[in-house]
Amino acid sequence: MTDATTRKIAELNDLCRKAFGVGGRLFQTSGISALSAADQSAIREKVETFDAFTPDNDPYGERDFGAFEHNGDRIFWKIDYYDLSLSQGSEDASDAAKTVRVLTIMLASEY
């Protein structure tokens, strides 16, 4: 993959993460959904503003994964790339016209 392709994927992932519903879909697991509305909102805000990318959690530079603590719980978020029918992986994650991003937010214990 070229550096330009990786940068484009990272930009699209940032857009998906920072503006839920733009270029993607949001899914939160039952563990997240069971938390209070205030906690869910705070967690979504932490996902939107996440910027602690390192070679350990972002080895390919796509900014598609993060982890943080919230009220004693470890939270993971991950962006996956699907084709427009959501039936298989996208053939080109750098092409927004061919890709639906699914941002999943979960308790680490649900992984």
PDB file of N, CA and C in Angstrom:
ATOM      1  N   MET A   1       0.839  -1.171   0.000  1.00  0.00           N
ATOM      2  CA  MET A   1       0.000   0.000   0.000  1.00  0.00           C
ATOM      3  C   MET A   1       0.892   1.245   0.000  1.00  0.00           C
ATOM      4  N   THR A   2       0.512   2.251  -0.735  1.00  0.00           N
ATOM      5  CA  THR A   2       1.320   3.462  -0.814  1.00  0.00           C
ATOM      6  C   THR A   2       1.045   4.372   0.386  1.00  0.00           C
ATOM      7  N   ASP A   3       1.964   5.291   0.619  1.00  0.00           N
ATOM      8  CA  ASP A   3       1.775   6.260   1.699  1.00  0.00           C
ATOM      9  C   ASP A   3       0.526   7.101   1.462  1.00  0.00           C
ATOM     10  N   ALA A   4       0.261   7.468   0.213  1.00  0.00           N
ATOM     11  CA  ALA A   4      -0.923   8.267  -0.110  1.00  0.00           C
ATOM     12  C   ALA A   4      -2.208   7.494   0.190  1.00  0.00           C
ATOM     13  N   THR A   5      -2.213   6.204  -0.103  1.00  0.00           N
ATOM     14  CA  THR A   5      -3.382   5.371   0.179  1.00  0.00           C
ATOM     15  C   THR A   5      -3.606   5.274   1.681  1.00  0.00           C
ATOM     16  N   THR A   6      -2.537   5.052   2.426  1.00  0.00           N
ATOM     17  CA  THR A   6      -2.642   4.965   3.887  1.00  0.00           C
ATOM     18  C   THR A   6      -3.157   6.282   4.461  1.00  0.00           C
ATOM     19  N   ARG A   7      -2.654   7.414   3.961  1.00  0.00           N
ATOM     20  CA  ARG A   7      -3.117   8.719   4.442  1.00  0.00           C
ATOM     21  C   ARG A   7      -4.602   8.910   4.154  1.00  0.00           C
ATOM     22  N   LYS A   8      -5.060   8.488   2.981  1.00  0.00           N
ATOM     23  CA  LYS A   8      -6.479   8.622   2.616  1.00  0.00           C
ATOM     24  C   LYS A   8      -7.351   7.771   3.532  1.00  0.00           C
ATOM     25  N   ILE A   9      -6.929   6.537   3.796  1.00  0.00           N
ATOM     26  CA  ILE A   9      -7.670   5.664   4.717  1.00  0.00           C
ATOM     27  C   ILE A   9      -7.735   6.304   6.094  1.00  0.00           C
ATOM     28  N   ALA A  10      -6.619   6.823   6.581  1.00  0.00           N
ATOM     29  CA  ALA A  10      -6.582   7.462   7.898  1.00  0.00           C
ATOM     30  C   ALA A  10      -7.525   8.669   7.942  1.00  0.00           C
ATOM     31  N   GLU A  11      -7.546   9.469   6.881  1.00  0.00           N
ATOM     32  CA  GLU A  11      -8.442  10.631   6.825  1.00  0.00           C
ATOM     33  C   GLU A  11      -9.904  10.205   6.863  1.00  0.00           C
ATOM     34  N   LEU A  12     -10.245   9.176   6.090  1.00  0.00           N
ATOM     35  CA  LEU A  12     -11.622   8.678   6.090  1.00  0.00           C
ATOM     36  C   LEU A  12     -11.988   8.075   7.442  1.00  0.00           C
ATOM     37  N   ASN A  13     -11.044   7.392   8.077  1.00  0.00           N
ATOM     38  CA  ASN A  13     -11.302   6.833   9.409  1.00  0.00           C
ATOM     39  C   ASN A  13     -11.512   7.942  10.432  1.00  0.00           C
ATOM     40  N   ASP A  14     -10.705   8.998  10.356  1.00  0.00           N
ATOM     41  CA  ASP A  14     -10.885  10.120  11.270  1.00  0.00           C
ATOM     42  C   ASP A  14     -12.262  10.752  11.087  1.00  0.00           C
ATOM     43  N   LEU A  15     -12.686  10.917   9.847  1.00  0.00           N
ATOM     44  CA  LEU A  15     -14.005  11.482   9.577  1.00  0.00           C
ATOM     45  C   LEU A  15     -15.103  10.597  10.165  1.00  0.00           C
ATOM     46  N   CYS A  16     -14.995   9.305   9.966  1.00  0.00           N
ATOM     47  CA  CYS A  16     -15.975   8.356  10.505  1.00  0.00           C
ATOM     48  C   CYS A  16     -16.020   8.438  12.032  1.00  0.00           C
ATOM     49  N   ARG A  17     -14.870   8.515  12.647  1.00  0.00           N
ATOM     50  CA  ARG A  17     -14.766   8.514  14.113  1.00  0.00           C
ATOM     51  C   ARG A  17     -15.215   9.841  14.714  1.00  0.00           C
ATOM     52  N   LYS A  18     -14.900  10.924  14.057  1.00  0.00           N
ATOM     53  CA  LYS A  18     -15.190  12.246  14.608  1.00  0.00           C
ATOM     54  C   LYS A  18     -16.595  12.736  14.280  1.00  0.00           C
ATOM     55  N   ALA A  19     -17.196  12.220  13.241  1.00  0.00           N
ATOM     56  CA  ALA A  19     -18.542  12.632  12.821  1.00  0.00           C
ATOM     57  C   ALA A  19     -19.354  11.372  12.574  1.00  0.00           C
ATOM     58  N   PHE A  20     -19.770  10.721  13.656  1.00  0.00           N
ATOM     59  CA  PHE A  20     -20.501   9.460  13.537  1.00  0.00           C
ATOM     60  C   PHE A  20     -21.584   9.581  12.478  1.00  0.00           C
ATOM     61  N   GLY A  21     -21.667   8.574  11.645  1.00  0.00           N
ATOM     62  CA  GLY A  21     -22.681   8.553  10.597  1.00  0.00           C
ATOM     63  C   GLY A  21     -22.211   9.128   9.278  1.00  0.00           C
ATOM     64  N   VAL A  22     -21.093   9.866   9.282  1.00  0.00           N
ATOM     65  CA  VAL A  22     -20.540  10.401   8.040  1.00  0.00           C
ATOM     66  C   VAL A  22     -19.524   9.398   7.519  1.00  0.00           C
ATOM     67  N   GLY A  23     -19.850   8.751   6.440  1.00  0.00           N
ATOM     68  CA  GLY A  23     -18.933   7.784   5.869  1.00  0.00           C
ATOM     69  C   GLY A  23     -18.863   6.471   6.616  1.00  0.00           C
ATOM     70  N   GLY A  24     -19.797   6.256   7.503  1.00  0.00           N
ATOM     71  CA  GLY A  24     -19.750   5.011   8.257  1.00  0.00           C
ATOM     72  C   GLY A  24     -20.973   4.825   9.127  1.00  0.00           C
ATOM     73  N   ARG A  25     -20.925   3.760   9.881  1.00  0.00           N
ATOM     74  CA  ARG A  25     -22.012   3.423  10.807  1.00  0.00           C
ATOM     75  C   ARG A  25     -21.411   3.156  12.171  1.00  0.00           C
ATOM     76  N   LEU A  26     -22.166   3.468  13.181  1.00  0.00           N
ATOM     77  CA  LEU A  26     -21.734   3.255  14.555  1.00  0.00           C
ATOM     78  C   LEU A  26     -22.441   2.036  15.123  1.00  0.00           C
ATOM     79  N   PHE A  27     -21.684   1.168  15.752  1.00  0.00           N
ATOM     80  CA  PHE A  27     -22.233   0.016  16.450  1.00  0.00           C
ATOM     81  C   PHE A  27     -21.615   0.006  17.832  1.00  0.00           C
ATOM     82  N   GLN A  28     -22.444  -0.088  18.845  1.00  0.00           N
ATOM     83  CA  GLN A  28     -21.905  -0.283  20.183  1.00  0.00           C
ATOM     84  C   GLN A  28     -22.479  -1.574  20.744  1.00  0.00           C
ATOM     85  N   THR A  29     -21.629  -2.288  21.437  1.00  0.00           N
ATOM     86  CA  THR A  29     -22.001  -3.605  21.945  1.00  0.00           C
ATOM     87  C   THR A  29     -22.999  -3.486  23.095  1.00  0.00           C
ATOM     88  N   SER A  30     -23.544  -4.615  23.489  1.00  0.00           N
ATOM     89  CA  SER A  30     -24.523  -4.629  24.578  1.00  0.00           C
ATOM     90  C   SER A  30     -23.910  -4.139  25.885  1.00  0.00           C
ATOM     91  N   GLY A  31     -22.630  -4.387  26.088  1.00  0.00           N
ATOM     92  CA  GLY A  31     -21.974  -3.905  27.304  1.00  0.00           C
ATOM     93  C   GLY A  31     -21.936  -2.396  27.368  1.00  0.00           C
ATOM     94  N   ILE A  32     -21.654  -1.753  26.254  1.00  0.00           N
ATOM     95  CA  ILE A  32     -21.668  -0.289  26.197  1.00  0.00           C
ATOM     96  C   ILE A  32     -23.097   0.222  26.326  1.00  0.00           C
ATOM     97  N   SER A  33     -24.026  -0.426  25.635  1.00  0.00           N
ATOM     98  CA  SER A  33     -25.425   0.004  25.673  1.00  0.00           C
ATOM     99  C   SER A  33     -26.040  -0.131  27.061  1.00  0.00           C
ATOM    100  N   ALA A  34     -25.492  -1.012  27.893  1.00  0.00           N
ATOM    101  CA  ALA A  34     -26.011  -1.204  29.249  1.00  0.00           C
ATOM    102  C   ALA A  34     -25.552  -0.106  30.212  1.00  0.00           C
ATOM    103  N   LEU A  35     -24.580   0.683  29.806  1.00  0.00           N
ATOM    104  CA  LEU A  35     -24.100   1.775  30.654  1.00  0.00           C
ATOM    105  C   LEU A  35     -25.093   2.932  30.633  1.00  0.00           C
ATOM    106  N   SER A  36     -24.951   3.828  31.570  1.00  0.00           N
ATOM    107  CA  SER A  36     -25.834   4.993  31.622  1.00  0.00           C
ATOM    108  C   SER A  36     -25.667   5.832  30.355  1.00  0.00           C
ATOM    109  N   ALA A  37     -26.679   6.627  30.046  1.00  0.00           N
ATOM    110  CA  ALA A  37     -26.613   7.513  28.887  1.00  0.00           C
ATOM    111  C   ALA A  37     -25.433   8.473  29.014  1.00  0.00           C
ATOM    112  N   ALA A  38     -25.162   8.945  30.216  1.00  0.00           N
ATOM    113  CA  ALA A  38     -24.034   9.861  30.430  1.00  0.00           C
ATOM    114  C   ALA A  38     -22.709   9.171  30.134  1.00  0.00           C
ATOM    115  N   ASP A  39     -22.567   7.921  30.591  1.00  0.00           N
ATOM    116  CA  ASP A  39     -21.331   7.182  30.305  1.00  0.00           C
ATOM    117  C   ASP A  39     -21.188   6.902  28.815  1.00  0.00           C
ATOM    118  N   GLN A  40     -22.272   6.516  28.153  1.00  0.00           N
ATOM    119  CA  GLN A  40     -22.214   6.271  26.711  1.00  0.00           C
ATOM    120  C   GLN A  40     -21.789   7.529  25.970  1.00  0.00           C
ATOM    121  N   SER A  41     -22.341   8.662  26.351  1.00  0.00           N
ATOM    122  CA  SER A  41     -21.986   9.921  25.713  1.00  0.00           C
ATOM    123  C   SER A  41     -20.516  10.259  25.948  1.00  0.00           C
ATOM    124  N   ALA A  42     -20.037  10.074  27.171  1.00  0.00           N
ATOM    125  CA  ALA A  42     -18.640  10.361  27.496  1.00  0.00           C
ATOM    126  C   ALA A  42     -17.701   9.442  26.718  1.00  0.00           C
ATOM    127  N   ILE A  43     -18.074   8.184  26.575  1.00  0.00           N
ATOM    128  CA  ILE A  43     -17.258   7.229  25.823  1.00  0.00           C
ATOM    129  C   ILE A  43     -17.208   7.625  24.354  1.00  0.00           C
ATOM    130  N   ARG A  44     -18.354   7.963  23.770  1.00  0.00           N
ATOM    131  CA  ARG A  44     -18.367   8.393  22.365  1.00  0.00           C
ATOM    132  C   ARG A  44     -17.506   9.642  22.167  1.00  0.00           C
ATOM    133  N   GLU A  45     -17.542  10.551  23.124  1.00  0.00           N
ATOM    134  CA  GLU A  45     -16.697  11.746  23.031  1.00  0.00           C
ATOM    135  C   GLU A  45     -15.217  11.373  23.079  1.00  0.00           C
ATOM    136  N   LYS A  46     -14.859  10.406  23.929  1.00  0.00           N
ATOM    137  CA  LYS A  46     -13.457   9.969  23.992  1.00  0.00           C
ATOM    138  C   LYS A  46     -13.024   9.304  22.688  1.00  0.00           C
ATOM    139  N   VAL A  47     -13.933   8.581  22.037  1.00  0.00           N
ATOM    140  CA  VAL A  47     -13.620   7.987  20.736  1.00  0.00           C
ATOM    141  C   VAL A  47     -13.412   9.099  19.709  1.00  0.00           C
ATOM    142  N   GLU A  48     -14.311  10.077  19.688  1.00  0.00           N
ATOM    143  CA  GLU A  48     -14.220  11.178  18.730  1.00  0.00           C
ATOM    144  C   GLU A  48     -12.912  11.953  18.859  1.00  0.00           C
ATOM    145  N   THR A  49     -12.440  12.133  20.079  1.00  0.00           N
ATOM    146  CA  THR A  49     -11.257  12.970  20.316  1.00  0.00           C
ATOM    147  C   THR A  49      -9.982  12.153  20.498  1.00  0.00           C
ATOM    148  N   PHE A  50     -10.055  10.850  20.344  1.00  0.00           N
ATOM    149  CA  PHE A  50      -8.889   9.984  20.541  1.00  0.00           C
ATOM    150  C   PHE A  50      -7.754  10.404  19.608  1.00  0.00           C
ATOM    151  N   ASP A  51      -6.563  10.564  20.186  1.00  0.00           N
ATOM    152  CA  ASP A  51      -5.406  10.907  19.357  1.00  0.00           C
ATOM    153  C   ASP A  51      -4.122  10.243  19.844  1.00  0.00           C
ATOM    154  N   ALA A  52      -4.264   9.225  20.671  1.00  0.00           N
ATOM    155  CA  ALA A  52      -3.101   8.538  21.253  1.00  0.00           C
ATOM    156  C   ALA A  52      -2.642   7.379  20.375  1.00  0.00           C
ATOM    157  N   PHE A  53      -2.452   7.656  19.094  1.00  0.00           N
ATOM    158  CA  PHE A  53      -2.020   6.620  18.161  1.00  0.00           C
ATOM    159  C   PHE A  53      -0.522   6.387  18.310  1.00  0.00           C
ATOM    160  N   THR A  54      -0.151   5.115  18.386  1.00  0.00           N
ATOM    161  CA  THR A  54       1.252   4.719  18.521  1.00  0.00           C
ATOM    162  C   THR A  54       1.521   3.560  17.572  1.00  0.00           C
ATOM    163  N   PRO A  55       2.782   3.217  17.355  1.00  0.00           N
ATOM    164  CA  PRO A  55       3.067   2.031  16.538  1.00  0.00           C
ATOM    165  C   PRO A  55       2.456   0.747  17.114  1.00  0.00           C
ATOM    166  N   ASP A  56       2.216   0.708  18.420  1.00  0.00           N
ATOM    167  CA  ASP A  56       1.608  -0.487  19.023  1.00  0.00           C
ATOM    168  C   ASP A  56       0.127  -0.623  18.671  1.00  0.00           C
ATOM    169  N   ASN A  57      -0.625   0.484  18.712  1.00  0.00           N
ATOM    170  CA  ASN A  57      -2.060   0.382  18.451  1.00  0.00           C
ATOM    171  C   ASN A  57      -2.439   0.806  17.035  1.00  0.00           C
ATOM    172  N   ASP A  58      -1.460   1.297  16.273  1.00  0.00           N
ATOM    173  CA  ASP A  58      -1.717   1.751  14.901  1.00  0.00           C
ATOM    174  C   ASP A  58      -0.531   1.419  14.001  1.00  0.00           C
ATOM    175  N   PRO A  59      -0.188   0.125  13.883  1.00  0.00           N
ATOM    176  CA  PRO A  59       1.031  -0.243  13.159  1.00  0.00           C
ATOM    177  C   PRO A  59       1.003   0.087  11.665  1.00  0.00           C
ATOM    178  N   TYR A  60      -0.184   0.240  11.080  1.00  0.00           N
ATOM    179  CA  TYR A  60      -0.283   0.505   9.639  1.00  0.00           C
ATOM    180  C   TYR A  60      -0.608   1.962   9.330  1.00  0.00           C
ATOM    181  N   GLY A  61      -0.763   2.783  10.367  1.00  0.00           N
ATOM    182  CA  GLY A  61      -1.013   4.205  10.166  1.00  0.00           C
ATOM    183  C   GLY A  61      -2.407   4.544   9.688  1.00  0.00           C
ATOM    184  N   GLU A  62      -3.367   3.628   9.844  1.00  0.00           N
ATOM    185  CA  GLU A  62      -4.725   3.851   9.345  1.00  0.00           C
ATOM    186  C   GLU A  62      -5.656   4.479  10.385  1.00  0.00           C
ATOM    187  N   ARG A  63      -5.206   4.597  11.622  1.00  0.00           N
ATOM    188  CA  ARG A  63      -6.010   5.162  12.715  1.00  0.00           C
ATOM    189  C   ARG A  63      -7.377   4.473  12.797  1.00  0.00           C
ATOM    190  N   ASP A  64      -7.314   3.133  12.866  1.00  0.00           N
ATOM    191  CA  ASP A  64      -8.540   2.334  12.873  1.00  0.00           C
ATOM    192  C   ASP A  64      -8.801   1.609  14.189  1.00  0.00           C
ATOM    193  N   PHE A  65      -8.017   1.891  15.243  1.00  0.00           N
ATOM    194  CA  PHE A  65      -8.194   1.217  16.525  1.00  0.00           C
ATOM    195  C   PHE A  65      -7.723   2.131  17.644  1.00  0.00           C
ATOM    196  N   GLY A  66      -8.393   2.032  18.777  1.00  0.00           N
ATOM    197  CA  GLY A  66      -7.950   2.747  19.959  1.00  0.00           C
ATOM    198  C   GLY A  66      -8.461   2.063  21.212  1.00  0.00           C
ATOM    199  N   ALA A  67      -7.834   2.375  22.325  1.00  0.00           N
ATOM    200  CA  ALA A  67      -8.225   1.831  23.617  1.00  0.00           C
ATOM    201  C   ALA A  67      -7.984   2.906  24.674  1.00  0.00           C
ATOM    202  N   PHE A  68      -8.871   2.932  25.663  1.00  0.00           N
ATOM    203  CA  PHE A  68      -8.735   3.897  26.752  1.00  0.00           C
ATOM    204  C   PHE A  68      -9.522   3.397  27.959  1.00  0.00           C
ATOM    205  N   GLU A  69      -9.331   4.057  29.077  1.00  0.00           N
ATOM    206  CA  GLU A  69     -10.043   3.731  30.306  1.00  0.00           C
ATOM    207  C   GLU A  69     -11.207   4.701  30.487  1.00  0.00           C
ATOM    208  N   HIS A  70     -12.305   4.159  30.999  1.00  0.00           N
ATOM    209  CA  HIS A  70     -13.439   5.003  31.372  1.00  0.00           C
ATOM    210  C   HIS A  70     -14.075   4.413  32.620  1.00  0.00           C
ATOM    211  N   ASN A  71     -14.036   5.175  33.695  1.00  0.00           N
ATOM    212  CA  ASN A  71     -14.636   4.744  34.974  1.00  0.00           C
ATOM    213  C   ASN A  71     -14.226   3.321  35.358  1.00  0.00           C
ATOM    214  N   GLY A  72     -12.962   3.003  35.173  1.00  0.00           N
ATOM    215  CA  GLY A  72     -12.446   1.701  35.566  1.00  0.00           C
ATOM    216  C   GLY A  72     -12.619   0.604  34.535  1.00  0.00           C
ATOM    217  N   ASP A  73     -13.285   0.897  33.438  1.00  0.00           N
ATOM    218  CA  ASP A  73     -13.460  -0.089  32.362  1.00  0.00           C
ATOM    219  C   ASP A  73     -12.502   0.230  31.223  1.00  0.00           C
ATOM    220  N   ARG A  74     -11.947  -0.812  30.630  1.00  0.00           N
ATOM    221  CA  ARG A  74     -11.129  -0.658  29.438  1.00  0.00           C
ATOM    222  C   ARG A  74     -12.070  -0.676  28.248  1.00  0.00           C
ATOM    223  N   ILE A  75     -11.975   0.331  27.385  1.00  0.00           N
ATOM    224  CA  ILE A  75     -12.838   0.473  26.218  1.00  0.00           C
ATOM    225  C   ILE A  75     -11.990   0.318  24.965  1.00  0.00           C
ATOM    226  N   PHE A  76     -12.491  -0.460  24.001  1.00  0.00           N
ATOM    227  CA  PHE A  76     -11.870  -0.590  22.689  1.00  0.00           C
ATOM    228  C   PHE A  76     -12.812   0.023  21.651  1.00  0.00           C
ATOM    229  N   TRP A  77     -12.237   0.597  20.618  1.00  0.00           N
ATOM    230  CA  TRP A  77     -13.011   0.960  19.433  1.00  0.00           C
ATOM    231  C   TRP A  77     -12.212   0.512  18.209  1.00  0.00           C
ATOM    232  N   LYS A  78     -12.937   0.126  17.166  1.00  0.00           N
ATOM    233  CA  LYS A  78     -12.303  -0.424  15.967  1.00  0.00           C
ATOM    234  C   LYS A  78     -13.140  -0.058  14.754  1.00  0.00           C
ATOM    235  N   ILE A  79     -12.472   0.308  13.666  1.00  0.00           N
ATOM    236  CA  ILE A  79     -13.157   0.571  12.402  1.00  0.00           C
ATOM    237  C   ILE A  79     -12.834  -0.564  11.436  1.00  0.00           C
ATOM    238  N   ASP A  80     -13.884  -1.158  10.880  1.00  0.00           N
ATOM    239  CA  ASP A  80     -13.741  -2.207   9.869  1.00  0.00           C
ATOM    240  C   ASP A  80     -14.318  -1.685   8.556  1.00  0.00           C
ATOM    241  N   TYR A  81     -13.849  -2.260   7.455  1.00  0.00           N
ATOM    242  CA  TYR A  81     -14.198  -1.798   6.109  1.00  0.00           C
ATOM    243  C   TYR A  81     -15.013  -2.859   5.377  1.00  0.00           C
ATOM    244  N   TYR A  82     -16.209  -2.475   4.922  1.00  0.00           N
ATOM    245  CA  TYR A  82     -17.098  -3.396   4.212  1.00  0.00           C
ATOM    246  C   TYR A  82     -17.472  -2.840   2.847  1.00  0.00           C
ATOM    247  N   ASP A  83     -17.920  -3.748   1.974  1.00  0.00           N
ATOM    248  CA  ASP A  83     -18.464  -3.301   0.696  1.00  0.00           C
ATOM    249  C   ASP A  83     -19.820  -2.640   0.955  1.00  0.00           C
ATOM    250  N   LEU A  84     -20.414  -2.063  -0.068  1.00  0.00           N
ATOM    251  CA  LEU A  84     -21.649  -1.305   0.114  1.00  0.00           C
ATOM    252  C   LEU A  84     -22.821  -2.145   0.597  1.00  0.00           C
ATOM    253  N   SER A  85     -22.796  -3.451   0.334  1.00  0.00           N
ATOM    254  CA  SER A  85     -23.877  -4.321   0.792  1.00  0.00           C
ATOM    255  C   SER A  85     -23.643  -4.834   2.212  1.00  0.00           C
ATOM    256  N   LEU A  86     -22.503  -4.506   2.786  1.00  0.00           N
ATOM    257  CA  LEU A  86     -22.104  -4.967   4.122  1.00  0.00           C
ATOM    258  C   LEU A  86     -22.016  -6.490   4.206  1.00  0.00           C
ATOM    259  N   SER A  87     -21.798  -7.132   3.055  1.00  0.00           N
ATOM    260  CA  SER A  87     -21.749  -8.597   3.037  1.00  0.00           C
ATOM    261  C   SER A  87     -20.325  -9.143   2.991  1.00  0.00           C
ATOM    262  N   GLN A  88     -19.368  -8.292   2.675  1.00  0.00           N
ATOM    263  CA  GLN A  88     -17.972  -8.735   2.635  1.00  0.00           C
ATOM    264  C   GLN A  88     -17.065  -7.523   2.812  1.00  0.00           C
ATOM    265  N   GLY A  89     -15.782  -7.778   2.946  1.00  0.00           N
ATOM    266  CA  GLY A  89     -14.819  -6.700   3.096  1.00  0.00           C
ATOM    267  C   GLY A  89     -14.758  -5.826   1.863  1.00  0.00           C
ATOM    268  N   SER A  90     -14.378  -4.569   2.073  1.00  0.00           N
ATOM    269  CA  SER A  90     -14.233  -3.636   0.960  1.00  0.00           C
ATOM    270  C   SER A  90     -13.029  -4.014   0.112  1.00  0.00           C
ATOM    271  N   GLU A  91     -13.157  -3.831  -1.181  1.00  0.00           N
ATOM    272  CA  GLU A  91     -12.020  -4.107  -2.068  1.00  0.00           C
ATOM    273  C   GLU A  91     -11.000  -2.975  -2.035  1.00  0.00           C
ATOM    274  N   ASP A  92     -11.420  -1.785  -1.567  1.00  0.00           N
ATOM    275  CA  ASP A  92     -10.511  -0.640  -1.519  1.00  0.00           C
ATOM    276  C   ASP A  92     -10.956   0.319  -0.422  1.00  0.00           C
ATOM    277  N   ALA A  93     -10.372   0.184   0.762  1.00  0.00           N
ATOM    278  CA  ALA A  93     -10.763   1.003   1.918  1.00  0.00           C
ATOM    279  C   ALA A  93     -10.450   2.476   1.733  1.00  0.00           C
ATOM    280  N   SER A  94      -9.637   2.811   0.741  1.00  0.00           N
ATOM    281  CA  SER A  94      -9.323   4.222   0.489  1.00  0.00           C
ATOM    282  C   SER A  94     -10.359   4.894  -0.407  1.00  0.00           C
ATOM    283  N   ASP A  95     -11.313   4.137  -0.921  1.00  0.00           N
ATOM    284  CA  ASP A  95     -12.336   4.657  -1.818  1.00  0.00           C
ATOM    285  C   ASP A  95     -13.674   4.717  -1.074  1.00  0.00           C
ATOM    286  N   ALA A  96     -14.066   5.933  -0.673  1.00  0.00           N
ATOM    287  CA  ALA A  96     -15.304   6.105   0.088  1.00  0.00           C
ATOM    288  C   ALA A  96     -16.537   5.683  -0.709  1.00  0.00           C
ATOM    289  N   ALA A  97     -16.467   5.706  -2.030  1.00  0.00           N
ATOM    290  CA  ALA A  97     -17.605   5.312  -2.859  1.00  0.00           C
ATOM    291  C   ALA A  97     -17.805   3.802  -2.877  1.00  0.00           C
ATOM    292  N   LYS A  98     -16.790   3.051  -2.448  1.00  0.00           N
ATOM    293  CA  LYS A  98     -16.863   1.585  -2.445  1.00  0.00           C
ATOM    294  C   LYS A  98     -16.863   0.988  -1.048  1.00  0.00           C
ATOM    295  N   THR A  99     -16.820   1.831  -0.017  1.00  0.00           N
ATOM    296  CA  THR A  99     -16.574   1.340   1.338  1.00  0.00           C
ATOM    297  C   THR A  99     -17.557   1.920   2.339  1.00  0.00           C
ATOM    298  N   VAL A 100     -18.096   1.042   3.187  1.00  0.00           N
ATOM    299  CA  VAL A 100     -18.855   1.458   4.361  1.00  0.00           C
ATOM    300  C   VAL A 100     -17.982   1.128   5.570  1.00  0.00           C
ATOM    301  N   ARG A 101     -17.696   2.147   6.362  1.00  0.00           N
ATOM    302  CA  ARG A 101     -16.930   1.947   7.583  1.00  0.00           C
ATOM    303  C   ARG A 101     -17.893   1.628   8.713  1.00  0.00           C
ATOM    304  N   VAL A 102     -17.540   0.634   9.532  1.00  0.00           N
ATOM    305  CA  VAL A 102     -18.331   0.303  10.706  1.00  0.00           C
ATOM    306  C   VAL A 102     -17.427   0.512  11.910  1.00  0.00           C
ATOM    307  N   LEU A 103     -17.810   1.478  12.733  1.00  0.00           N
ATOM    308  CA  LEU A 103     -17.090   1.797  13.950  1.00  0.00           C
ATOM    309  C   LEU A 103     -17.768   1.071  15.097  1.00  0.00           C
ATOM    310  N   THR A 104     -17.042   0.146  15.718  1.00  0.00           N
ATOM    311  CA  THR A 104     -17.559  -0.616  16.841  1.00  0.00           C
ATOM    312  C   THR A 104     -16.904  -0.129  18.119  1.00  0.00           C
ATOM    313  N   ILE A 105     -17.744   0.145  19.125  1.00  0.00           N
ATOM    314  CA  ILE A 105     -17.261   0.527  20.447  1.00  0.00           C
ATOM    315  C   ILE A 105     -17.673  -0.577  21.407  1.00  0.00           C
ATOM    316  N   MET A 106     -16.711  -1.077  22.195  1.00  0.00           N
ATOM    317  CA  MET A 106     -16.999  -2.211  23.073  1.00  0.00           C
ATOM    318  C   MET A 106     -16.192  -2.151  24.360  1.00  0.00           C
ATOM    319  N   LEU A 107     -16.669  -2.836  25.362  1.00  0.00           N
ATOM    320  CA  LEU A 107     -15.881  -3.082  26.549  1.00  0.00           C
ATOM    321  C   LEU A 107     -14.800  -4.086  26.166  1.00  0.00           C
ATOM    322  N   ALA A 108     -13.597  -3.894  26.654  1.00  0.00           N
ATOM    323  CA  ALA A 108     -12.511  -4.846  26.343  1.00  0.00           C
ATOM    324  C   ALA A 108     -12.898  -6.255  26.771  1.00  0.00           C
ATOM    325  N   SER A 109     -13.663  -6.381  27.831  1.00  0.00           N
ATOM    326  CA  SER A 109     -14.072  -7.703  28.305  1.00  0.00           C
ATOM    327  C   SER A 109     -14.993  -8.407  27.318  1.00  0.00           C
ATOM    328  N   GLU A 110     -15.578  -7.683  26.363  1.00  0.00           N
ATOM    329  CA  GLU A 110     -16.450  -8.296  25.362  1.00  0.00           C
ATOM    330  C   GLU A 110     -15.684  -8.777  24.144  1.00  0.00           C
ATOM    331  N   TYR A 111     -14.409  -8.459  24.062  1.00  0.00           N
ATOM    332  CA  TYR A 111     -13.615  -8.834  22.893  1.00  0.00           C
ATOM    333  C   TYR A 111     -13.384 -10.310  22.837  1.00  0.00           C
TER     334      TYR A 111
END
